[in-house]
Amino acid sequence: MSDRKRIRAAILDLLQSRDSDASICPSEAARAVFDDWRPHMDEVRDVAADMAMDDEVYATQGSDRVSVTDASGPIRLRLVDHPDADGSD
C-alpha cells in the first residue's frame, strides 16, 4: 500500500474511532503511519487537502473552518457530516 493510501486510511480510522464531533491533529496520522513521522508532515497535509477537496474531511483552527492548503500553523481535521450516508436525514 502506498504511503498516501496509508495516510488516508489512518486519518479516516482515527476520526471514525472517535465521537462524530471530534477532531485529530494531522500529526496523529503521521505518528500512526511512520516511526520517524516529522519529515512526513507535508505529505500528511497534502493528503488531508485532497480529502478536503473530496469532501471527506475539513480543517479548523480554533472554531474557524480553514483551507488545509492556505492555513499556516496547526490545524485540526474533522469528518464532514454526510447525513444521507446512512439513509437517514
C-alpha atoms as a PDB file:
ATOM      1  CA  MET A   1       0.000   0.000   0.000  1.00  0.00           C
ATOM      2  CA  SER A   2       1.373   3.430  -0.892  1.00  0.00           C
ATOM      3  CA  ASP A   3       2.210   5.964   1.808  1.00  0.00           C
ATOM      4  CA  ARG A   4      -0.612   8.236   0.625  1.00  0.00           C
ATOM      5  CA  LYS A   5      -3.158   5.427   0.966  1.00  0.00           C
ATOM      6  CA  ARG A   6      -1.815   4.525   4.408  1.00  0.00           C
ATOM      7  CA  ILE A   7      -2.064   8.173   5.497  1.00  0.00           C
ATOM      8  CA  ARG A   8      -5.634   8.466   4.189  1.00  0.00           C
ATOM      9  CA  ALA A   9      -6.597   5.241   5.959  1.00  0.00           C
ATOM     10  CA  ALA A  10      -5.002   6.450   9.203  1.00  0.00           C
ATOM     11  CA  ILE A  11      -6.874   9.773   9.058  1.00  0.00           C
ATOM     12  CA  LEU A  12     -10.191   8.006   8.483  1.00  0.00           C
ATOM     13  CA  ASP A  13      -9.523   5.322  11.110  1.00  0.00           C
ATOM     14  CA  LEU A  14      -8.596   7.887  13.747  1.00  0.00           C
ATOM     15  CA  LEU A  15     -11.615  10.086  13.036  1.00  0.00           C
ATOM     16  CA  GLN A  16     -14.102   7.224  12.765  1.00  0.00           C
ATOM     17  CA  SER A  17     -12.928   5.765  16.068  1.00  0.00           C
ATOM     18  CA  ARG A  18     -13.899   8.961  17.917  1.00  0.00           C
ATOM     19  CA  ASP A  19     -17.087  10.867  18.602  1.00  0.00           C
ATOM     20  CA  SER A  20     -18.661  12.369  15.490  1.00  0.00           C
ATOM     21  CA  ASP A  21     -17.728  15.896  16.563  1.00  0.00           C
ATOM     22  CA  ALA A  22     -14.115  15.005  17.478  1.00  0.00           C
ATOM     23  CA  SER A  23     -11.052  16.140  15.588  1.00  0.00           C
ATOM     24  CA  ILE A  24      -7.473  14.992  15.141  1.00  0.00           C
ATOM     25  CA  CYS A  25      -4.177  16.709  14.629  1.00  0.00           C
ATOM     26  CA  PRO A  26      -2.557  15.640  11.340  1.00  0.00           C
ATOM     27  CA  SER A  27       0.489  14.593  13.360  1.00  0.00           C
ATOM     28  CA  GLU A  28      -1.601  11.815  14.910  1.00  0.00           C
ATOM     29  CA  ALA A  29      -2.000  10.271  11.460  1.00  0.00           C
ATOM     30  CA  ALA A  30       1.700  10.755  10.745  1.00  0.00           C
ATOM     31  CA  ARG A  31       2.587   9.010  14.013  1.00  0.00           C
ATOM     32  CA  ALA A  32       0.219   6.143  13.180  1.00  0.00           C
ATOM     33  CA  VAL A  33       1.937   5.527   9.837  1.00  0.00           C
ATOM     34  CA  PHE A  34       5.593   6.441  10.305  1.00  0.00           C
ATOM     35  CA  ASP A  35       8.110   5.811  13.089  1.00  0.00           C
ATOM     36  CA  ASP A  36      10.032   8.933  12.047  1.00  0.00           C
ATOM     37  CA  TRP A  37       6.883  10.980  11.399  1.00  0.00           C
ATOM     38  CA  ARG A  38       8.046  14.623  11.337  1.00  0.00           C
ATOM     39  CA  PRO A  39       9.580  14.512   7.831  1.00  0.00           C
ATOM     40  CA  HIS A  40       6.193  13.308   6.514  1.00  0.00           C
ATOM     41  CA  MET A  41       4.020  16.160   7.795  1.00  0.00           C
ATOM     42  CA  ASP A  42       3.878  17.939   4.413  1.00  0.00           C
ATOM     43  CA  GLU A  43       2.691  14.705   2.786  1.00  0.00           C
ATOM     44  CA  VAL A  44       0.070  14.206   5.513  1.00  0.00           C
ATOM     45  CA  ARG A  45      -1.233  17.749   4.969  1.00  0.00           C
ATOM     46  CA  ASP A  46      -1.270  17.130   1.187  1.00  0.00           C
ATOM     47  CA  VAL A  47      -3.384  14.008   1.680  1.00  0.00           C
ATOM     48  CA  ALA A  48      -5.672  15.922   4.061  1.00  0.00           C
ATOM     49  CA  ALA A  49      -6.043  18.664   1.430  1.00  0.00           C
ATOM     50  CA  ASP A  50      -7.043  16.064  -1.168  1.00  0.00           C
ATOM     51  CA  MET A  51      -9.537  14.581   1.284  1.00  0.00           C
ATOM     52  CA  ALA A  52     -10.965  18.059   1.901  1.00  0.00           C
ATOM     53  CA  MET A  53     -11.333  18.585  -1.846  1.00  0.00           C
ATOM     54  CA  ASP A  54     -13.205  15.257  -1.965  1.00  0.00           C
ATOM     55  CA  ASP A  55     -15.480  16.472   0.877  1.00  0.00           C
ATOM     56  CA  GLU A  56     -14.331  13.753   3.289  1.00  0.00           C
ATOM     57  CA  VAL A  57     -12.736  15.984   5.932  1.00  0.00           C
ATOM     58  CA  TYR A  58     -12.353  19.661   6.730  1.00  0.00           C
ATOM     59  CA  ALA A  59      -9.788  21.616   8.701  1.00  0.00           C
ATOM     60  CA  THR A  60     -10.213  24.017  11.580  1.00  0.00           C
ATOM     61  CA  GLN A  61      -8.079  26.460  13.527  1.00  0.00           C
ATOM     62  CA  GLY A  62      -9.820  27.177  16.766  1.00  0.00           C
ATOM     63  CA  SER A  63     -13.507  27.322  15.866  1.00  0.00           C
ATOM     64  CA  ASP A  64     -12.852  28.612  12.324  1.00  0.00           C
ATOM     65  CA  ARG A  65     -13.066  26.394   9.278  1.00  0.00           C
ATOM     66  CA  VAL A  66      -9.918  26.887   7.165  1.00  0.00           C
ATOM     67  CA  SER A  67      -8.356  25.645   3.954  1.00  0.00           C
ATOM     68  CA  VAL A  68      -5.805  22.920   4.575  1.00  0.00           C
ATOM     69  CA  THR A  69      -3.553  24.382   1.888  1.00  0.00           C
ATOM     70  CA  ASP A  70      -3.864  28.028   2.918  1.00  0.00           C
ATOM     71  CA  ALA A  71      -3.702  27.642   6.688  1.00  0.00           C
ATOM     72  CA  SER A  72      -0.452  28.423   8.417  1.00  0.00           C
ATOM     73  CA  GLY A  73       0.197  26.882  11.773  1.00  0.00           C
ATOM     74  CA  PRO A  74      -1.536  23.990  13.477  1.00  0.00           C
ATOM     75  CA  ILE A  75      -4.835  22.669  12.145  1.00  0.00           C
ATOM     76  CA  ARG A  76      -7.309  20.041  13.279  1.00  0.00           C
ATOM     77  CA  LEU A  77      -9.133  17.650  10.938  1.00  0.00           C
ATOM     78  CA  ARG A  78     -12.777  16.655  11.259  1.00  0.00           C
ATOM     79  CA  LEU A  79     -15.016  14.331   9.274  1.00  0.00           C
ATOM     80  CA  VAL A  80     -17.548  16.003   7.040  1.00  0.00           C
ATOM     81  CA  ASP A  81     -21.027  15.131   8.255  1.00  0.00           C
ATOM     82  CA  HIS A  82     -22.938  13.385   5.459  1.00  0.00           C
ATOM     83  CA  PRO A  83     -26.397  12.853   6.965  1.00  0.00           C
ATOM     84  CA  ASP A  84     -27.637  10.969   3.888  1.00  0.00           C
ATOM     85  CA  ALA A  85     -24.821   8.413   4.056  1.00  0.00           C
ATOM     86  CA  ASP A  86     -26.674   6.114   6.434  1.00  0.00           C
ATOM     87  CA  GLY A  87     -30.029   6.562   4.759  1.00  0.00           C
ATOM     88  CA  SER A  88     -31.421   8.960   7.344  1.00  0.00           C
ATOM     89  CA  ASP A  89     -31.818  12.714   7.224  1.00  0.00           C
END
